[in-house]
Amino acid sequence: SKKLAETVVNRITGQPGLITAATKKRKQ
């Protein structure tokens, strides 16, 4: 649904965001 995607774009533009998780895993 393009309409749904456009709604999300309009809703988040200019809004603050909260970091709920940030991980860094060292792998090899």
mmCIF file of all heavy atoms, coordinates in Angstrom:
data_MODEL
# 
_entry.id   MODEL 
# 
loop_
_atom_site.group_PDB 
_atom_site.id 
_atom_site.type_symbol 
_atom_site.label_atom_id 
_atom_site.label_alt_id 
_atom_site.label_comp_id 
_atom_site.label_asym_id 
_atom_site.label_entity_id 
_atom_site.label_seq_id 
_atom_site.pdbx_PDB_ins_code 
_atom_site.Cartn_x 
_atom_site.Cartn_y 
_atom_site.Cartn_z 
_atom_site.occupancy 
_atom_site.B_iso_or_equiv 
_atom_site.pdbx_formal_charge 
_atom_site.auth_seq_id 
_atom_site.auth_comp_id 
_atom_site.auth_asym_id 
_atom_site.auth_atom_id 
_atom_site.pdbx_PDB_model_num 
ATOM 1   N N   . SER A 1 1  ? 0.840  -1.209  0.000  1.00 0.00 ? 1  SER A N   1 
ATOM 2   C CA  . SER A 1 1  ? 0.000  0.000   0.000  1.00 0.00 ? 1  SER A CA  1 
ATOM 3   C C   . SER A 1 1  ? 0.874  1.257   0.000  1.00 0.00 ? 1  SER A C   1 
ATOM 4   O O   . SER A 1 1  ? 1.563  1.543   0.989  1.00 0.00 ? 1  SER A O   1 
ATOM 5   C CB  . SER A 1 1  ? -0.931 0.000   1.218  1.00 0.00 ? 1  SER A CB  1 
ATOM 6   O OG  . SER A 1 1  ? -1.588 1.237   1.345  1.00 0.00 ? 1  SER A OG  1 
ATOM 7   N N   . LYS A 1 2  ? 0.811  2.000   -1.083 1.00 0.00 ? 2  LYS A N   1 
ATOM 8   C CA  . LYS A 1 2  ? 1.564  3.250   -1.172 1.00 0.00 ? 2  LYS A CA  1 
ATOM 9   C C   . LYS A 1 2  ? 1.020  4.285   -0.195 1.00 0.00 ? 2  LYS A C   1 
ATOM 10  O O   . LYS A 1 2  ? 1.781  5.060   0.410  1.00 0.00 ? 2  LYS A O   1 
ATOM 11  C CB  . LYS A 1 2  ? 1.513  3.787   -2.598 1.00 0.00 ? 2  LYS A CB  1 
ATOM 12  C CG  . LYS A 1 2  ? 2.388  5.025   -2.815 1.00 0.00 ? 2  LYS A CG  1 
ATOM 13  C CD  . LYS A 1 2  ? 2.389  5.444   -4.276 1.00 0.00 ? 2  LYS A CD  1 
ATOM 14  C CE  . LYS A 1 2  ? 3.332  6.627   -4.485 1.00 0.00 ? 2  LYS A CE  1 
ATOM 15  N NZ  . LYS A 1 2  ? 3.369  7.058   -5.913 1.00 0.00 ? 2  LYS A NZ  1 
ATOM 16  N N   . LYS A 1 3  ? -0.298 4.282   -0.026 1.00 0.00 ? 3  LYS A N   1 
ATOM 17  C CA  . LYS A 1 3  ? -0.929 5.252   0.876  1.00 0.00 ? 3  LYS A CA  1 
ATOM 18  C C   . LYS A 1 3  ? -0.430 5.059   2.306  1.00 0.00 ? 3  LYS A C   1 
ATOM 19  O O   . LYS A 1 3  ? -0.147 6.035   3.021  1.00 0.00 ? 3  LYS A O   1 
ATOM 20  C CB  . LYS A 1 3  ? -2.446 5.093   0.822  1.00 0.00 ? 3  LYS A CB  1 
ATOM 21  C CG  . LYS A 1 3  ? -3.203 6.140   1.629  1.00 0.00 ? 3  LYS A CG  1 
ATOM 22  C CD  . LYS A 1 3  ? -4.707 5.963   1.462  1.00 0.00 ? 3  LYS A CD  1 
ATOM 23  C CE  . LYS A 1 3  ? -5.460 7.025   2.282  1.00 0.00 ? 3  LYS A CE  1 
ATOM 24  N NZ  . LYS A 1 3  ? -6.928 6.883   2.139  1.00 0.00 ? 3  LYS A NZ  1 
ATOM 25  N N   . LEU A 1 4  ? -0.307 3.778   2.738  1.00 0.00 ? 4  LEU A N   1 
ATOM 26  C CA  . LEU A 1 4  ? 0.201  3.495   4.076  1.00 0.00 ? 4  LEU A CA  1 
ATOM 27  C C   . LEU A 1 4  ? 1.631  3.995   4.222  1.00 0.00 ? 4  LEU A C   1 
ATOM 28  O O   . LEU A 1 4  ? 1.986  4.626   5.229  1.00 0.00 ? 4  LEU A O   1 
ATOM 29  C CB  . LEU A 1 4  ? 0.141  1.990   4.351  1.00 0.00 ? 4  LEU A CB  1 
ATOM 30  C CG  . LEU A 1 4  ? 0.816  1.503   5.640  1.00 0.00 ? 4  LEU A CG  1 
ATOM 31  C CD1 . LEU A 1 4  ? 0.163  2.120   6.868  1.00 0.00 ? 4  LEU A CD1 1 
ATOM 32  C CD2 . LEU A 1 4  ? 0.781  -0.018  5.730  1.00 0.00 ? 4  LEU A CD2 1 
ATOM 33  N N   . ALA A 1 5  ? 2.485  3.742   3.217  1.00 0.00 ? 5  ALA A N   1 
ATOM 34  C CA  . ALA A 1 5  ? 3.881  4.170   3.274  1.00 0.00 ? 5  ALA A CA  1 
ATOM 35  C C   . ALA A 1 5  ? 3.983  5.694   3.316  1.00 0.00 ? 5  ALA A C   1 
ATOM 36  O O   . ALA A 1 5  ? 4.803  6.257   4.064  1.00 0.00 ? 5  ALA A O   1 
ATOM 37  C CB  . ALA A 1 5  ? 4.636  3.621   2.066  1.00 0.00 ? 5  ALA A CB  1 
ATOM 38  N N   . GLU A 1 6  ? 3.149  6.391   2.524  1.00 0.00 ? 6  GLU A N   1 
ATOM 39  C CA  . GLU A 1 6  ? 3.163  7.860   2.515  1.00 0.00 ? 6  GLU A CA  1 
ATOM 40  C C   . GLU A 1 6  ? 2.723  8.419   3.871  1.00 0.00 ? 6  GLU A C   1 
ATOM 41  O O   . GLU A 1 6  ? 3.254  9.447   4.337  1.00 0.00 ? 6  GLU A O   1 
ATOM 42  C CB  . GLU A 1 6  ? 2.248  8.382   1.413  1.00 0.00 ? 6  GLU A CB  1 
ATOM 43  C CG  . GLU A 1 6  ? 2.804  8.155   0.012  1.00 0.00 ? 6  GLU A CG  1 
ATOM 44  C CD  . GLU A 1 6  ? 1.825  8.559   -1.072 1.00 0.00 ? 6  GLU A CD  1 
ATOM 45  O OE1 . GLU A 1 6  ? 0.598  8.574   -0.810 1.00 0.00 ? 6  GLU A OE1 1 
ATOM 46  O OE2 . GLU A 1 6  ? 2.290  8.847   -2.189 1.00 0.00 ? 6  GLU A OE2 1 
ATOM 47  N N   . THR A 1 7  ? 1.780  7.744   4.515  1.00 0.00 ? 7  THR A N   1 
ATOM 48  C CA  . THR A 1 7  ? 1.319  8.179   5.842  1.00 0.00 ? 7  THR A CA  1 
ATOM 49  C C   . THR A 1 7  ? 2.457  8.113   6.848  1.00 0.00 ? 7  THR A C   1 
ATOM 50  O O   . THR A 1 7  ? 2.641  9.027   7.676  1.00 0.00 ? 7  THR A O   1 
ATOM 51  C CB  . THR A 1 7  ? 0.147  7.294   6.318  1.00 0.00 ? 7  THR A CB  1 
ATOM 52  O OG1 . THR A 1 7  ? -0.923 7.409   5.377  1.00 0.00 ? 7  THR A OG1 1 
ATOM 53  C CG2 . THR A 1 7  ? -0.332 7.710   7.693  1.00 0.00 ? 7  THR A CG2 1 
ATOM 54  N N   . VAL A 1 8  ? 3.245  7.035   6.786  1.00 0.00 ? 8  VAL A N   1 
ATOM 55  C CA  . VAL A 1 8  ? 4.387  6.874   7.701  1.00 0.00 ? 8  VAL A CA  1 
ATOM 56  C C   . VAL A 1 8  ? 5.425  7.961   7.433  1.00 0.00 ? 8  VAL A C   1 
ATOM 57  O O   . VAL A 1 8  ? 5.983  8.553   8.371  1.00 0.00 ? 8  VAL A O   1 
ATOM 58  C CB  . VAL A 1 8  ? 5.011  5.473   7.555  1.00 0.00 ? 8  VAL A CB  1 
ATOM 59  C CG1 . VAL A 1 8  ? 6.271  5.342   8.412  1.00 0.00 ? 8  VAL A CG1 1 
ATOM 60  C CG2 . VAL A 1 8  ? 4.009  4.390   7.940  1.00 0.00 ? 8  VAL A CG2 1 
ATOM 61  N N   . VAL A 1 9  ? 5.701  8.255   6.157  1.00 0.00 ? 9  VAL A N   1 
ATOM 62  C CA  . VAL A 1 9  ? 6.672  9.300   5.800  1.00 0.00 ? 9  VAL A CA  1 
ATOM 63  C C   . VAL A 1 9  ? 6.257  10.639  6.396  1.00 0.00 ? 9  VAL A C   1 
ATOM 64  O O   . VAL A 1 9  ? 7.071  11.361  7.007  1.00 0.00 ? 9  VAL A O   1 
ATOM 65  C CB  . VAL A 1 9  ? 6.816  9.408   4.266  1.00 0.00 ? 9  VAL A CB  1 
ATOM 66  C CG1 . VAL A 1 9  ? 7.599  10.669  3.884  1.00 0.00 ? 9  VAL A CG1 1 
ATOM 67  C CG2 . VAL A 1 9  ? 7.503  8.179   3.706  1.00 0.00 ? 9  VAL A CG2 1 
ATOM 68  N N   . ASN A 1 10 ? 4.998  11.005  6.233  1.00 0.00 ? 10 ASN A N   1 
ATOM 69  C CA  . ASN A 1 10 ? 4.512  12.291  6.739  1.00 0.00 ? 10 ASN A CA  1 
ATOM 70  C C   . ASN A 1 10 ? 4.523  12.338  8.259  1.00 0.00 ? 10 ASN A C   1 
ATOM 71  O O   . ASN A 1 10 ? 4.776  13.389  8.856  1.00 0.00 ? 10 ASN A O   1 
ATOM 72  C CB  . ASN A 1 10 ? 3.090  12.557  6.223  1.00 0.00 ? 10 ASN A CB  1 
ATOM 73  C CG  . ASN A 1 10 ? 3.058  12.727  4.706  1.00 0.00 ? 10 ASN A CG  1 
ATOM 74  O OD1 . ASN A 1 10 ? 4.032  13.204  4.107  1.00 0.00 ? 10 ASN A OD1 1 
ATOM 75  N ND2 . ASN A 1 10 ? 1.948  12.347  4.081  1.00 0.00 ? 10 ASN A ND2 1 
ATOM 76  N N   . ARG A 1 11 ? 4.262  11.180  8.896  1.00 0.00 ? 11 ARG A N   1 
ATOM 77  C CA  . ARG A 1 11 ? 4.170  11.141  10.346 1.00 0.00 ? 11 ARG A CA  1 
ATOM 78  C C   . ARG A 1 11 ? 5.529  11.307  11.028 1.00 0.00 ? 11 ARG A C   1 
ATOM 79  O O   . ARG A 1 11 ? 5.621  11.872  12.120 1.00 0.00 ? 11 ARG A O   1 
ATOM 80  C CB  . ARG A 1 11 ? 3.521  9.822   10.779 1.00 0.00 ? 11 ARG A CB  1 
ATOM 81  C CG  . ARG A 1 11 ? 3.137  9.804   12.263 1.00 0.00 ? 11 ARG A CG  1 
ATOM 82  C CD  . ARG A 1 11 ? 2.341  8.570   12.635 1.00 0.00 ? 11 ARG A CD  1 
ATOM 83  N NE  . ARG A 1 11 ? 3.166  7.369   12.591 1.00 0.00 ? 11 ARG A NE  1 
ATOM 84  C CZ  . ARG A 1 11 ? 2.828  6.253   11.983 1.00 0.00 ? 11 ARG A CZ  1 
ATOM 85  N NH1 . ARG A 1 11 ? 1.689  6.169   11.326 1.00 0.00 ? 11 ARG A NH1 1 
ATOM 86  N NH2 . ARG A 1 11 ? 3.620  5.205   12.017 1.00 0.00 ? 11 ARG A NH2 1 
ATOM 87  N N   . ILE A 1 12 ? 6.611  10.821  10.408 1.00 0.00 ? 12 ILE A N   1 
ATOM 88  C CA  . ILE A 1 12 ? 7.921  10.836  11.086 1.00 0.00 ? 12 ILE A CA  1 
ATOM 89  C C   . ILE A 1 12 ? 8.763  12.053  10.736 1.00 0.00 ? 12 ILE A C   1 
ATOM 90  O O   . ILE A 1 12 ? 9.707  12.389  11.469 1.00 0.00 ? 12 ILE A O   1 
ATOM 91  C CB  . ILE A 1 12 ? 8.718  9.561   10.744 1.00 0.00 ? 12 ILE A CB  1 
ATOM 92  C CG1 . ILE A 1 12 ? 9.077  9.519   9.253  1.00 0.00 ? 12 ILE A CG1 1 
ATOM 93  C CG2 . ILE A 1 12 ? 7.958  8.315   11.173 1.00 0.00 ? 12 ILE A CG2 1 
ATOM 94  C CD1 . ILE A 1 12 ? 10.000 8.390   8.869  1.00 0.00 ? 12 ILE A CD1 1 
ATOM 95  N N   . THR A 1 13 ? 8.479  12.723  9.628  1.00 0.00 ? 13 THR A N   1 
ATOM 96  C CA  . THR A 1 13 ? 9.304  13.855  9.198  1.00 0.00 ? 13 THR A CA  1 
ATOM 97  C C   . THR A 1 13 ? 9.289  14.967  10.254 1.00 0.00 ? 13 THR A C   1 
ATOM 98  O O   . THR A 1 13 ? 8.225  15.433  10.683 1.00 0.00 ? 13 THR A O   1 
ATOM 99  C CB  . THR A 1 13 ? 8.814  14.412  7.857  1.00 0.00 ? 13 THR A CB  1 
ATOM 100 O OG1 . THR A 1 13 ? 8.929  13.390  6.861  1.00 0.00 ? 13 THR A OG1 1 
ATOM 101 C CG2 . THR A 1 13 ? 9.634  15.619  7.422  1.00 0.00 ? 13 THR A CG2 1 
ATOM 102 N N   . GLY A 1 14 ? 10.498 15.371  10.683 1.00 0.00 ? 14 GLY A N   1 
ATOM 103 C CA  . GLY A 1 14 ? 10.652 16.447  11.659 1.00 0.00 ? 14 GLY A CA  1 
ATOM 104 C C   . GLY A 1 14 ? 10.435 16.028  13.093 1.00 0.00 ? 14 GLY A C   1 
ATOM 105 O O   . GLY A 1 14 ? 10.501 16.865  14.009 1.00 0.00 ? 14 GLY A O   1 
ATOM 106 N N   . GLN A 1 15 ? 10.214 14.722  13.341 1.00 0.00 ? 15 GLN A N   1 
ATOM 107 C CA  . GLN A 1 15 ? 9.931  14.248  14.696 1.00 0.00 ? 15 GLN A CA  1 
ATOM 108 C C   . GLN A 1 15 ? 11.208 13.698  15.369 1.00 0.00 ? 15 GLN A C   1 
ATOM 109 O O   . GLN A 1 15 ? 12.121 13.212  14.700 1.00 0.00 ? 15 GLN A O   1 
ATOM 110 C CB  . GLN A 1 15 ? 8.873  13.152  14.655 1.00 0.00 ? 15 GLN A CB  1 
ATOM 111 C CG  . GLN A 1 15 ? 7.530  13.604  14.102 1.00 0.00 ? 15 GLN A CG  1 
ATOM 112 C CD  . GLN A 1 15 ? 6.918  14.713  14.935 1.00 0.00 ? 15 GLN A CD  1 
ATOM 113 O OE1 . GLN A 1 15 ? 6.855  14.623  16.173 1.00 0.00 ? 15 GLN A OE1 1 
ATOM 114 N NE2 . GLN A 1 15 ? 6.487  15.785  14.260 1.00 0.00 ? 15 GLN A NE2 1 
ATOM 115 N N   . PRO A 1 16 ? 11.251 13.768  16.709 1.00 0.00 ? 16 PRO A N   1 
ATOM 116 C CA  . PRO A 1 16 ? 12.397 13.193  17.423 1.00 0.00 ? 16 PRO A CA  1 
ATOM 117 C C   . PRO A 1 16 ? 12.299 11.674  17.459 1.00 0.00 ? 16 PRO A C   1 
ATOM 118 O O   . PRO A 1 16 ? 11.214 11.098  17.360 1.00 0.00 ? 16 PRO A O   1 
ATOM 119 C CB  . PRO A 1 16 ? 12.256 13.784  18.824 1.00 0.00 ? 16 PRO A CB  1 
ATOM 120 C CG  . PRO A 1 16 ? 10.784 14.029  18.983 1.00 0.00 ? 16 PRO A CG  1 
ATOM 121 C CD  . PRO A 1 16 ? 10.289 14.425  17.617 1.00 0.00 ? 16 PRO A CD  1 
ATOM 122 N N   . GLY A 1 17 ? 13.435 11.035  17.596 1.00 0.00 ? 17 GLY A N   1 
ATOM 123 C CA  . GLY A 1 17 ? 13.489 9.579   17.687 1.00 0.00 ? 17 GLY A CA  1 
ATOM 124 C C   . GLY A 1 17 ? 14.248 9.157   18.928 1.00 0.00 ? 17 GLY A C   1 
ATOM 125 O O   . GLY A 1 17 ? 15.247 9.784   19.315 1.00 0.00 ? 17 GLY A O   1 
ATOM 126 N N   . LEU A 1 18 ? 13.795 8.081   19.571 1.00 0.00 ? 18 LEU A N   1 
ATOM 127 C CA  . LEU A 1 18 ? 14.425 7.578   20.787 1.00 0.00 ? 18 LEU A CA  1 
ATOM 128 C C   . LEU A 1 18 ? 15.143 6.266   20.484 1.00 0.00 ? 18 LEU A C   1 
ATOM 129 O O   . LEU A 1 18 ? 14.546 5.341   19.928 1.00 0.00 ? 18 LEU A O   1 
ATOM 130 C CB  . LEU A 1 18 ? 13.372 7.359   21.867 1.00 0.00 ? 18 LEU A CB  1 
ATOM 131 C CG  . LEU A 1 18 ? 13.870 6.757   23.190 1.00 0.00 ? 18 LEU A CG  1 
ATOM 132 C CD1 . LEU A 1 18 ? 14.785 7.751   23.910 1.00 0.00 ? 18 LEU A CD1 1 
ATOM 133 C CD2 . LEU A 1 18 ? 12.692 6.363   24.087 1.00 0.00 ? 18 LEU A CD2 1 
ATOM 134 N N   . ILE A 1 19 ? 16.411 6.182   20.843 1.00 0.00 ? 19 ILE A N   1 
ATOM 135 C CA  . ILE A 1 19 ? 17.184 4.943   20.650 1.00 0.00 ? 19 ILE A CA  1 
ATOM 136 C C   . ILE A 1 19 ? 16.735 3.929   21.698 1.00 0.00 ? 19 ILE A C   1 
ATOM 137 O O   . ILE A 1 19 ? 16.947 4.127   22.893 1.00 0.00 ? 19 ILE A O   1 
ATOM 138 C CB  . ILE A 1 19 ? 18.704 5.202   20.771 1.00 0.00 ? 19 ILE A CB  1 
ATOM 139 C CG1 . ILE A 1 19 ? 19.157 6.300   19.815 1.00 0.00 ? 19 ILE A CG1 1 
ATOM 140 C CG2 . ILE A 1 19 ? 19.478 3.896   20.519 1.00 0.00 ? 19 ILE A CG2 1 
ATOM 141 C CD1 . ILE A 1 19 ? 18.927 6.000   18.366 1.00 0.00 ? 19 ILE A CD1 1 
ATOM 142 N N   . THR A 1 20 ? 16.104 2.858   21.240 1.00 0.00 ? 20 THR A N   1 
ATOM 143 C CA  . THR A 1 20 ? 15.609 1.832   22.168 1.00 0.00 ? 20 THR A CA  1 
ATOM 144 C C   . THR A 1 20 ? 16.581 0.666   22.327 1.00 0.00 ? 20 THR A C   1 
ATOM 145 O O   . THR A 1 20 ? 16.480 -0.106  23.274 1.00 0.00 ? 20 THR A O   1 
ATOM 146 C CB  . THR A 1 20 ? 14.250 1.292   21.680 1.00 0.00 ? 20 THR A CB  1 
ATOM 147 O OG1 . THR A 1 20 ? 14.404 0.780   20.344 1.00 0.00 ? 20 THR A OG1 1 
ATOM 148 C CG2 . THR A 1 20 ? 13.207 2.402   21.680 1.00 0.00 ? 20 THR A CG2 1 
ATOM 149 N N   . ALA A 1 21 ? 17.525 0.538   21.396 1.00 0.00 ? 21 ALA A N   1 
ATOM 150 C CA  . ALA A 1 21 ? 18.546 -0.519  21.488 1.00 0.00 ? 21 ALA A CA  1 
ATOM 151 C C   . ALA A 1 21 ? 19.706 -0.162  20.573 1.00 0.00 ? 21 ALA A C   1 
ATOM 152 O O   . ALA A 1 21 ? 19.505 0.371   19.476 1.00 0.00 ? 21 ALA A O   1 
ATOM 153 C CB  . ALA A 1 21 ? 17.970 -1.868  21.111 1.00 0.00 ? 21 ALA A CB  1 
ATOM 154 N N   . ALA A 1 22 ? 20.914 -0.438  21.044 1.00 0.00 ? 22 ALA A N   1 
ATOM 155 C CA  . ALA A 1 22 ? 22.120 -0.213  20.240 1.00 0.00 ? 22 ALA A CA  1 
ATOM 156 C C   . ALA A 1 22 ? 23.127 -1.296  20.606 1.00 0.00 ? 22 ALA A C   1 
ATOM 157 O O   . ALA A 1 22 ? 23.614 -1.349  21.749 1.00 0.00 ? 22 ALA A O   1 
ATOM 158 C CB  . ALA A 1 22 ? 22.709 1.166   20.500 1.00 0.00 ? 22 ALA A CB  1 
ATOM 159 N N   . THR A 1 23 ? 23.391 -2.179  19.673 1.00 0.00 ? 23 THR A N   1 
ATOM 160 C CA  . THR A 1 23 ? 24.298 -3.297  19.942 1.00 0.00 ? 23 THR A CA  1 
ATOM 161 C C   . THR A 1 23 ? 25.456 -3.321  18.962 1.00 0.00 ? 23 THR A C   1 
ATOM 162 O O   . THR A 1 23 ? 25.332 -2.886  17.816 1.00 0.00 ? 23 THR A O   1 
ATOM 163 C CB  . THR A 1 23 ? 23.549 -4.648  19.844 1.00 0.00 ? 23 THR A CB  1 
ATOM 164 O OG1 . THR A 1 23 ? 22.998 -4.776  18.531 1.00 0.00 ? 23 THR A OG1 1 
ATOM 165 C CG2 . THR A 1 23 ? 22.438 -4.718  20.872 1.00 0.00 ? 23 THR A CG2 1 
ATOM 166 N N   . LYS A 1 24 ? 26.559 -3.831  19.430 1.00 0.00 ? 24 LYS A N   1 
ATOM 167 C CA  . LYS A 1 24 ? 27.752 -4.015  18.591 1.00 0.00 ? 24 LYS A CA  1 
ATOM 168 C C   . LYS A 1 24 ? 28.395 -5.329  18.987 1.00 0.00 ? 24 LYS A C   1 
ATOM 169 O O   . LYS A 1 24 ? 28.850 -5.495  20.119 1.00 0.00 ? 24 LYS A O   1 
ATOM 170 C CB  . LYS A 1 24 ? 28.742 -2.862  18.749 1.00 0.00 ? 24 LYS A CB  1 
ATOM 171 C CG  . LYS A 1 24 ? 29.969 -3.014  17.864 1.00 0.00 ? 24 LYS A CG  1 
ATOM 172 C CD  . LYS A 1 24 ? 30.843 -1.769  17.872 1.00 0.00 ? 24 LYS A CD  1 
ATOM 173 C CE  . LYS A 1 24 ? 31.561 -1.581  19.177 1.00 0.00 ? 24 LYS A CE  1 
ATOM 174 N NZ  . LYS A 1 24 ? 32.560 -0.467  19.095 1.00 0.00 ? 24 LYS A NZ  1 
ATOM 175 N N   . LYS A 1 25 ? 28.401 -6.279  18.047 1.00 0.00 ? 25 LYS A N   1 
ATOM 176 C CA  . LYS A 1 25 ? 28.967 -7.595  18.324 1.00 0.00 ? 25 LYS A CA  1 
ATOM 177 C C   . LYS A 1 25 ? 30.203 -7.820  17.462 1.00 0.00 ? 25 LYS A C   1 
ATOM 178 O O   . LYS A 1 25 ? 30.141 -7.732  16.238 1.00 0.00 ? 25 LYS A O   1 
ATOM 179 C CB  . LYS A 1 25 ? 27.931 -8.684  18.049 1.00 0.00 ? 25 LYS A CB  1 
ATOM 180 C CG  . LYS A 1 25 ? 26.735 -8.642  18.991 1.00 0.00 ? 25 LYS A CG  1 
ATOM 181 C CD  . LYS A 1 25 ? 25.758 -9.779  18.703 1.00 0.00 ? 25 LYS A CD  1 
ATOM 182 C CE  . LYS A 1 25 ? 24.567 -9.739  19.656 1.00 0.00 ? 25 LYS A CE  1 
ATOM 183 N NZ  . LYS A 1 25 ? 23.595 -10.826 19.380 1.00 0.00 ? 25 LYS A NZ  1 
ATOM 184 N N   . ARG A 1 26 ? 31.315 -8.093  18.117 1.00 0.00 ? 26 ARG A N   1 
ATOM 185 C CA  . ARG A 1 26 ? 32.560 -8.408  17.403 1.00 0.00 ? 26 ARG A CA  1 
ATOM 186 C C   . ARG A 1 26 ? 32.500 -9.871  16.950 1.00 0.00 ? 26 ARG A C   1 
ATOM 187 O O   . ARG A 1 26 ? 32.317 -10.772 17.754 1.00 0.00 ? 26 ARG A O   1 
ATOM 188 C CB  . ARG A 1 26 ? 33.765 -8.174  18.316 1.00 0.00 ? 26 ARG A CB  1 
ATOM 189 C CG  . ARG A 1 26 ? 35.123 -8.524  17.725 1.00 0.00 ? 26 ARG A CG  1 
ATOM 190 C CD  . ARG A 1 26 ? 35.515 -7.607  16.577 1.00 0.00 ? 26 ARG A CD  1 
ATOM 191 N NE  . ARG A 1 26 ? 35.428 -6.207  16.896 1.00 0.00 ? 26 ARG A NE  1 
ATOM 192 C CZ  . ARG A 1 26 ? 36.422 -5.485  17.470 1.00 0.00 ? 26 ARG A CZ  1 
ATOM 193 N NH1 . ARG A 1 26 ? 37.564 -6.071  17.764 1.00 0.00 ? 26 ARG A NH1 1 
ATOM 194 N NH2 . ARG A 1 26 ? 36.275 -4.194  17.716 1.00 0.00 ? 26 ARG A NH2 1 
ATOM 195 N N   . LYS A 1 27 ? 32.635 -10.091 15.656 1.00 0.00 ? 27 LYS A N   1 
ATOM 196 C CA  . LYS A 1 27 ? 32.584 -11.431 15.094 1.00 0.00 ? 27 LYS A CA  1 
ATOM 197 C C   . LYS A 1 27 ? 33.798 -11.680 14.221 1.00 0.00 ? 27 LYS A C   1 
ATOM 198 O O   . LYS A 1 27 ? 34.527 -10.739 13.869 1.00 0.00 ? 27 LYS A O   1 
ATOM 199 C CB  . LYS A 1 27 ? 31.297 -11.625 14.270 1.00 0.00 ? 27 LYS A CB  1 
ATOM 200 C CG  . LYS A 1 27 ? 30.024 -11.542 15.081 1.00 0.00 ? 27 LYS A CG  1 
ATOM 201 C CD  . LYS A 1 27 ? 28.803 -11.785 14.214 1.00 0.00 ? 27 LYS A CD  1 
ATOM 202 C CE  . LYS A 1 27 ? 27.514 -11.712 15.022 1.00 0.00 ? 27 LYS A CE  1 
ATOM 203 N NZ  . LYS A 1 27 ? 26.313 -11.957 14.165 1.00 0.00 ? 27 LYS A NZ  1 
ATOM 204 N N   . GLN A 1 28 ? 33.997 -12.924 13.872 1.00 0.00 ? 28 GLN A N   1 
ATOM 205 C CA  . GLN A 1 28 ? 35.095 -13.255 12.967 1.00 0.00 ? 28 GLN A CA  1 
ATOM 206 C C   . GLN A 1 28 ? 34.721 -14.431 12.075 1.00 0.00 ? 28 GLN A C   1 
ATOM 207 O O   . GLN A 1 28 ? 33.872 -15.244 12.420 1.00 0.00 ? 28 GLN A O   1 
ATOM 208 C CB  . GLN A 1 28 ? 36.379 -13.553 13.728 1.00 0.00 ? 28 GLN A CB  1 
ATOM 209 C CG  . GLN A 1 28 ? 36.353 -14.807 14.573 1.00 0.00 ? 28 GLN A CG  1 
ATOM 210 C CD  . GLN A 1 28 ? 37.703 -15.070 15.228 1.00 0.00 ? 28 GLN A CD  1 
ATOM 211 O OE1 . GLN A 1 28 ? 38.497 -14.165 15.443 1.00 0.00 ? 28 GLN A OE1 1 
ATOM 212 N NE2 . GLN A 1 28 ? 37.965 -16.326 15.526 1.00 0.00 ? 28 GLN A NE2 1 
# 
